[in-house]
Amino acid sequence: MSEDKDLLQGRVHKLEGLLEALELEVERAHALMDQWDLPREVTGEDGRPLELSLAGRLERLPESD
């Protein structure tokens, strides 16, 4: 049972590390976008906002009320 708990704990730590690395990459990309005066979001063809990032693909922002 302890081995299973250790294995799961190891996976959690690995995923937390990956998440932190991704957050730092997004921060770096946003800093570059700000430096180059690029927008962080634009309006798509359907009128919904799209977030721009140098760190990944275009993603729809959640709809606001």
PDB file of N, CA and C in Angstrom:
ATOM      1  N   MET A   1       0.828  -1.194   0.000  1.00  0.00           N
ATOM      2  CA  MET A   1       0.000   0.000   0.000  1.00  0.00           C
ATOM      3  C   MET A   1       0.870   1.255   0.000  1.00  0.00           C
ATOM      4  N   SER A   2       1.964   1.225   0.757  1.00  0.00           N
ATOM      5  CA  SER A   2       2.854   2.370   0.844  1.00  0.00           C
ATOM      6  C   SER A   2       3.526   2.664  -0.499  1.00  0.00           C
ATOM      7  N   GLU A   3       3.827   1.599  -1.260  1.00  0.00           N
ATOM      8  CA  GLU A   3       4.441   1.786  -2.573  1.00  0.00           C
ATOM      9  C   GLU A   3       3.491   2.508  -3.511  1.00  0.00           C
ATOM     10  N   ASP A   4       2.207   2.156  -3.459  1.00  0.00           N
ATOM     11  CA  ASP A   4       1.210   2.824  -4.296  1.00  0.00           C
ATOM     12  C   ASP A   4       1.112   4.304  -3.940  1.00  0.00           C
ATOM     13  N   LYS A   5       1.123   4.583  -2.640  1.00  0.00           N
ATOM     14  CA  LYS A   5       1.043   5.967  -2.190  1.00  0.00           C
ATOM     15  C   LYS A   5       2.279   6.744  -2.639  1.00  0.00           C
ATOM     16  N   ASP A   6       3.459   6.123  -2.537  1.00  0.00           N
ATOM     17  CA  ASP A   6       4.698   6.770  -2.973  1.00  0.00           C
ATOM     18  C   ASP A   6       4.687   7.024  -4.477  1.00  0.00           C
ATOM     19  N   LEU A   7       4.177   6.058  -5.238  1.00  0.00           N
ATOM     20  CA  LEU A   7       4.093   6.203  -6.690  1.00  0.00           C
ATOM     21  C   LEU A   7       3.161   7.353  -7.064  1.00  0.00           C
ATOM     22  N   LEU A   8       1.999   7.405  -6.423  1.00  0.00           N
ATOM     23  CA  LEU A   8       1.050   8.483  -6.694  1.00  0.00           C
ATOM     24  C   LEU A   8       1.625   9.840  -6.288  1.00  0.00           C
ATOM     25  N   GLN A   9       2.295   9.879  -5.158  1.00  0.00           N
ATOM     26  CA  GLN A   9       2.907  11.125  -4.691  1.00  0.00           C
ATOM     27  C   GLN A   9       3.983  11.595  -5.676  1.00  0.00           C
ATOM     28  N   GLY A  10       4.749  10.663  -6.199  1.00  0.00           N
ATOM     29  CA  GLY A  10       5.764  10.997  -7.199  1.00  0.00           C
ATOM     30  C   GLY A  10       5.140  11.572  -8.459  1.00  0.00           C
ATOM     31  N   ARG A  11       4.034  10.993  -8.891  1.00  0.00           N
ATOM     32  CA  ARG A  11       3.325  11.496 -10.078  1.00  0.00           C
ATOM     33  C   ARG A  11       2.776  12.897  -9.833  1.00  0.00           C
ATOM     34  N   VAL A  12       2.245  13.123  -8.636  1.00  0.00           N
ATOM     35  CA  VAL A  12       1.716  14.447  -8.292  1.00  0.00           C
ATOM     36  C   VAL A  12       2.831  15.483  -8.353  1.00  0.00           C
ATOM     37  N   HIS A  13       3.989  15.166  -7.774  1.00  0.00           N
ATOM     38  CA  HIS A  13       5.116  16.101  -7.785  1.00  0.00           C
ATOM     39  C   HIS A  13       5.578  16.382  -9.213  1.00  0.00           C
ATOM     40  N   LYS A  14       5.615  15.347 -10.047  1.00  0.00           N
ATOM     41  CA  LYS A  14       6.026  15.526 -11.443  1.00  0.00           C
ATOM     42  C   LYS A  14       5.055  16.451 -12.170  1.00  0.00           C
ATOM     43  N   LEU A  15       3.756  16.227 -11.983  1.00  0.00           N
ATOM     44  CA  LEU A  15       2.753  17.065 -12.644  1.00  0.00           C
ATOM     45  C   LEU A  15       2.792  18.497 -12.129  1.00  0.00           C
ATOM     46  N   GLU A  16       3.031  18.671 -10.838  1.00  0.00           N
ATOM     47  CA  GLU A  16       3.155  20.022 -10.283  1.00  0.00           C
ATOM     48  C   GLU A  16       4.351  20.746 -10.899  1.00  0.00           C
ATOM     49  N   GLY A  17       5.441  20.033 -11.096  1.00  0.00           N
ATOM     50  CA  GLY A  17       6.616  20.618 -11.736  1.00  0.00           C
ATOM     51  C   GLY A  17       6.351  21.007 -13.176  1.00  0.00           C
ATOM     52  N   LEU A  18       5.652  20.143 -13.901  1.00  0.00           N
ATOM     53  CA  LEU A  18       5.300  20.446 -15.292  1.00  0.00           C
ATOM     54  C   LEU A  18       4.381  21.654 -15.376  1.00  0.00           C
ATOM     55  N   LEU A  19       3.418  21.747 -14.473  1.00  0.00           N
ATOM     56  CA  LEU A  19       2.504  22.884 -14.456  1.00  0.00           C
ATOM     57  C   LEU A  19       3.262  24.177 -14.178  1.00  0.00           C
ATOM     58  N   GLU A  20       4.168  24.145 -13.234  1.00  0.00           N
ATOM     59  CA  GLU A  20       4.958  25.343 -12.915  1.00  0.00           C
ATOM     60  C   GLU A  20       5.805  25.771 -14.114  1.00  0.00           C
ATOM     61  N   ALA A  21       6.397  24.805 -14.814  1.00  0.00           N
ATOM     62  CA  ALA A  21       7.197  25.117 -16.001  1.00  0.00           C
ATOM     63  C   ALA A  21       6.335  25.751 -17.090  1.00  0.00           C
ATOM     64  N   LEU A  22       5.127  25.232 -17.287  1.00  0.00           N
ATOM     65  CA  LEU A  22       4.226  25.806 -18.292  1.00  0.00           C
ATOM     66  C   LEU A  22       3.809  27.221 -17.923  1.00  0.00           C
ATOM     67  N   GLU A  23       3.543  27.455 -16.645  1.00  0.00           N
ATOM     68  CA  GLU A  23       3.165  28.795 -16.208  1.00  0.00           C
ATOM     69  C   GLU A  23       4.295  29.787 -16.450  1.00  0.00           C
ATOM     70  N   LEU A  24       5.532  29.376 -16.196  1.00  0.00           N
ATOM     71  CA  LEU A  24       6.677  30.245 -16.447  1.00  0.00           C
ATOM     72  C   LEU A  24       6.837  30.524 -17.941  1.00  0.00           C
ATOM     73  N   GLU A  25       6.582  29.525 -18.771  1.00  0.00           N
ATOM     74  CA  GLU A  25       6.681  29.700 -20.226  1.00  0.00           C
ATOM     75  C   GLU A  25       5.625  30.686 -20.727  1.00  0.00           C
ATOM     76  N   VAL A  26       4.428  30.604 -20.202  1.00  0.00           N
ATOM     77  CA  VAL A  26       3.369  31.538 -20.586  1.00  0.00           C
ATOM     78  C   VAL A  26       3.731  32.955 -20.142  1.00  0.00           C
ATOM     79  N   GLU A  27       4.267  33.081 -18.935  1.00  0.00           N
ATOM     80  CA  GLU A  27       4.691  34.403 -18.460  1.00  0.00           C
ATOM     81  C   GLU A  27       5.755  34.984 -19.389  1.00  0.00           C
ATOM     82  N   ARG A  28       6.715  34.154 -19.792  1.00  0.00           N
ATOM     83  CA  ARG A  28       7.773  34.601 -20.698  1.00  0.00           C
ATOM     84  C   ARG A  28       7.194  35.024 -22.043  1.00  0.00           C
ATOM     85  N   ALA A  29       6.257  34.237 -22.549  1.00  0.00           N
ATOM     86  CA  ALA A  29       5.629  34.563 -23.831  1.00  0.00           C
ATOM     87  C   ALA A  29       4.841  35.864 -23.731  1.00  0.00           C
ATOM     88  N   HIS A  30       4.105  36.049 -22.647  1.00  0.00           N
ATOM     89  CA  HIS A  30       3.344  37.290 -22.477  1.00  0.00           C
ATOM     90  C   HIS A  30       4.275  38.494 -22.365  1.00  0.00           C
ATOM     91  N   ALA A  31       5.411  38.322 -21.701  1.00  0.00           N
ATOM     92  CA  ALA A  31       6.373  39.428 -21.602  1.00  0.00           C
ATOM     93  C   ALA A  31       6.892  39.809 -22.981  1.00  0.00           C
ATOM     94  N   LEU A  32       7.172  38.818 -23.820  1.00  0.00           N
ATOM     95  CA  LEU A  32       7.610  39.114 -25.189  1.00  0.00           C
ATOM     96  C   LEU A  32       6.514  39.799 -25.989  1.00  0.00           C
ATOM     97  N   MET A  33       5.283  39.324 -25.830  1.00  0.00           N
ATOM     98  CA  MET A  33       4.166  39.937 -26.553  1.00  0.00           C
ATOM     99  C   MET A  33       3.999  41.391 -26.128  1.00  0.00           C
ATOM    100  N   ASP A  34       4.138  41.656 -24.832  1.00  0.00           N
ATOM    101  CA  ASP A  34       4.059  43.032 -24.339  1.00  0.00           C
ATOM    102  C   ASP A  34       5.213  43.872 -24.885  1.00  0.00           C
ATOM    103  N   GLN A  35       6.398  43.285 -24.898  1.00  0.00           N
ATOM    104  CA  GLN A  35       7.582  43.995 -25.398  1.00  0.00           C
ATOM    105  C   GLN A  35       7.400  44.371 -26.871  1.00  0.00           C
ATOM    106  N   TRP A  36       6.784  43.491 -27.646  1.00  0.00           N
ATOM    107  CA  TRP A  36       6.591  43.729 -29.072  1.00  0.00           C
ATOM    108  C   TRP A  36       5.254  44.401 -29.381  1.00  0.00           C
ATOM    109  N   ASP A  37       4.543  44.827 -28.335  1.00  0.00           N
ATOM    110  CA  ASP A  37       3.230  45.474 -28.484  1.00  0.00           C
ATOM    111  C   ASP A  37       2.238  44.618 -29.276  1.00  0.00           C
ATOM    112  N   LEU A  38       2.263  43.310 -29.012  1.00  0.00           N
ATOM    113  CA  LEU A  38       1.306  42.396 -29.633  1.00  0.00           C
ATOM    114  C   LEU A  38       0.113  42.215 -28.704  1.00  0.00           C
ATOM    115  N   PRO A  39      -1.089  42.088 -29.251  1.00  0.00           N
ATOM    116  CA  PRO A  39      -2.257  41.858 -28.388  1.00  0.00           C
ATOM    117  C   PRO A  39      -2.227  40.450 -27.806  1.00  0.00           C
ATOM    118  N   ARG A  40      -2.814  40.313 -26.628  1.00  0.00           N
ATOM    119  CA  ARG A  40      -2.914  38.985 -26.010  1.00  0.00           C
ATOM    120  C   ARG A  40      -4.197  38.273 -26.411  1.00  0.00           C
ATOM    121  N   GLU A  41      -5.146  39.010 -26.950  1.00  0.00           N
ATOM    122  CA  GLU A  41      -6.364  38.368 -27.436  1.00  0.00           C
ATOM    123  C   GLU A  41      -6.903  39.159 -28.620  1.00  0.00           C
ATOM    124  N   VAL A  42      -7.611  38.488 -29.472  1.00  0.00           N
ATOM    125  CA  VAL A  42      -8.272  39.100 -30.620  1.00  0.00           C
ATOM    126  C   VAL A  42      -9.675  38.523 -30.701  1.00  0.00           C
ATOM    127  N   THR A  43     -10.504  39.144 -31.498  1.00  0.00           N
ATOM    128  CA  THR A  43     -11.866  38.642 -31.695  1.00  0.00           C
ATOM    129  C   THR A  43     -11.869  37.705 -32.893  1.00  0.00           C
ATOM    130  N   GLY A  44     -12.425  36.525 -32.702  1.00  0.00           N
ATOM    131  CA  GLY A  44     -12.517  35.548 -33.777  1.00  0.00           C
ATOM    132  C   GLY A  44     -13.633  35.899 -34.754  1.00  0.00           C
ATOM    133  N   GLU A  45     -13.754  35.114 -35.804  1.00  0.00           N
ATOM    134  CA  GLU A  45     -14.766  35.349 -36.833  1.00  0.00           C
ATOM    135  C   GLU A  45     -16.180  35.322 -36.270  1.00  0.00           C
ATOM    136  N   ASP A  46     -16.390  34.539 -35.221  1.00  0.00           N
ATOM    137  CA  ASP A  46     -17.726  34.434 -34.631  1.00  0.00           C
ATOM    138  C   ASP A  46     -17.958  35.477 -33.536  1.00  0.00           C
ATOM    139  N   GLY A  47     -16.996  36.403 -33.338  1.00  0.00           N
ATOM    140  CA  GLY A  47     -17.156  37.456 -32.351  1.00  0.00           C
ATOM    141  C   GLY A  47     -16.682  37.097 -30.957  1.00  0.00           C
ATOM    142  N   ARG A  48     -16.260  35.855 -30.774  1.00  0.00           N
ATOM    143  CA  ARG A  48     -15.763  35.434 -29.457  1.00  0.00           C
ATOM    144  C   ARG A  48     -14.271  35.704 -29.369  1.00  0.00           C
ATOM    145  N   PRO A  49     -13.783  36.090 -28.172  1.00  0.00           N
ATOM    146  CA  PRO A  49     -12.350  36.399 -28.033  1.00  0.00           C
ATOM    147  C   PRO A  49     -11.482  35.146 -28.094  1.00  0.00           C
ATOM    148  N   LEU A  50     -10.332  35.276 -28.748  1.00  0.00           N
ATOM    149  CA  LEU A  50      -9.338  34.217 -28.801  1.00  0.00           C
ATOM    150  C   LEU A  50      -8.084  34.726 -28.106  1.00  0.00           C
ATOM    151  N   GLU A  51      -7.524  33.928 -27.213  1.00  0.00           N
ATOM    152  CA  GLU A  51      -6.294  34.321 -26.531  1.00  0.00           C
ATOM    153  C   GLU A  51      -5.112  33.973 -27.421  1.00  0.00           C
ATOM    154  N   LEU A  52      -4.205  34.918 -27.576  1.00  0.00           N
ATOM    155  CA  LEU A  52      -2.990  34.676 -28.343  1.00  0.00           C
ATOM    156  C   LEU A  52      -1.859  34.367 -27.379  1.00  0.00           C
ATOM    157  N   SER A  53      -1.011  33.427 -27.732  1.00  0.00           N
ATOM    158  CA  SER A  53       0.137  33.119 -26.899  1.00  0.00           C
ATOM    159  C   SER A  53       1.241  32.572 -27.781  1.00  0.00           C
ATOM    160  N   LEU A  54       2.464  32.957 -27.487  1.00  0.00           N
ATOM    161  CA  LEU A  54       3.611  32.395 -28.176  1.00  0.00           C
ATOM    162  C   LEU A  54       3.957  31.029 -27.615  1.00  0.00           C
ATOM    163  N   ALA A  55       3.317  30.647 -26.514  1.00  0.00           N
ATOM    164  CA  ALA A  55       3.643  29.402 -25.835  1.00  0.00           C
ATOM    165  C   ALA A  55       2.751  28.233 -26.263  1.00  0.00           C
ATOM    166  N   GLY A  56       1.720  28.484 -27.033  1.00  0.00           N
ATOM    167  CA  GLY A  56       0.832  27.379 -27.384  1.00  0.00           C
ATOM    168  C   GLY A  56      -0.131  27.747 -28.487  1.00  0.00           C
ATOM    169  N   ARG A  57      -1.130  26.914 -28.656  1.00  0.00           N
ATOM    170  CA  ARG A  57      -2.105  27.112 -29.716  1.00  0.00           C
ATOM    171  C   ARG A  57      -3.142  28.157 -29.301  1.00  0.00           C
ATOM    172  N   LEU A  58      -3.916  28.627 -30.267  1.00  0.00           N
ATOM    173  CA  LEU A  58      -4.996  29.549 -29.958  1.00  0.00           C
ATOM    174  C   LEU A  58      -6.086  28.807 -29.203  1.00  0.00           C
ATOM    175  N   GLU A  59      -6.610  29.433 -28.172  1.00  0.00           N
ATOM    176  CA  GLU A  59      -7.680  28.818 -27.397  1.00  0.00           C
ATOM    177  C   GLU A  59      -8.771  29.828 -27.148  1.00  0.00           C
ATOM    178  N   ARG A  60     -10.005  29.366 -27.167  1.00  0.00           N
ATOM    179  CA  ARG A  60     -11.127  30.241 -26.859  1.00  0.00           C
ATOM    180  C   ARG A  60     -11.132  30.570 -25.371  1.00  0.00           C
ATOM    181  N   LEU A  61     -11.396  31.834 -25.071  1.00  0.00           N
ATOM    182  CA  LEU A  61     -11.568  32.220 -23.678  1.00  0.00           C
ATOM    183  C   LEU A  61     -12.974  31.846 -23.245  1.00  0.00           C
ATOM    184  N   PRO A  62     -13.178  31.533 -21.988  1.00  0.00           N
ATOM    185  CA  PRO A  62     -14.536  31.180 -21.541  1.00  0.00           C
ATOM    186  C   PRO A  62     -15.482  32.355 -21.743  1.00  0.00           C
ATOM    187  N   GLU A  63     -16.722  32.029 -22.057  1.00  0.00           N
ATOM    188  CA  GLU A  63     -17.716  33.069 -22.253  1.00  0.00           C
ATOM    189  C   GLU A  63     -17.997  33.764 -20.930  1.00  0.00           C
ATOM    190  N   SER A  64     -18.096  35.086 -20.983  1.00  0.00           N
ATOM    191  CA  SER A  64     -18.418  35.836 -19.779  1.00  0.00           C
ATOM    192  C   SER A  64     -19.895  36.214 -19.807  1.00  0.00           C
ATOM    193  N   ASP A  65     -20.446  36.389 -18.621  1.00  0.00           N
ATOM    194  CA  ASP A  65     -21.877  36.713 -18.518  1.00  0.00           C
ATOM    195  C   ASP A  65     -22.120  38.182 -18.711  1.00  0.00           C
TER     196      ASP A  65
END
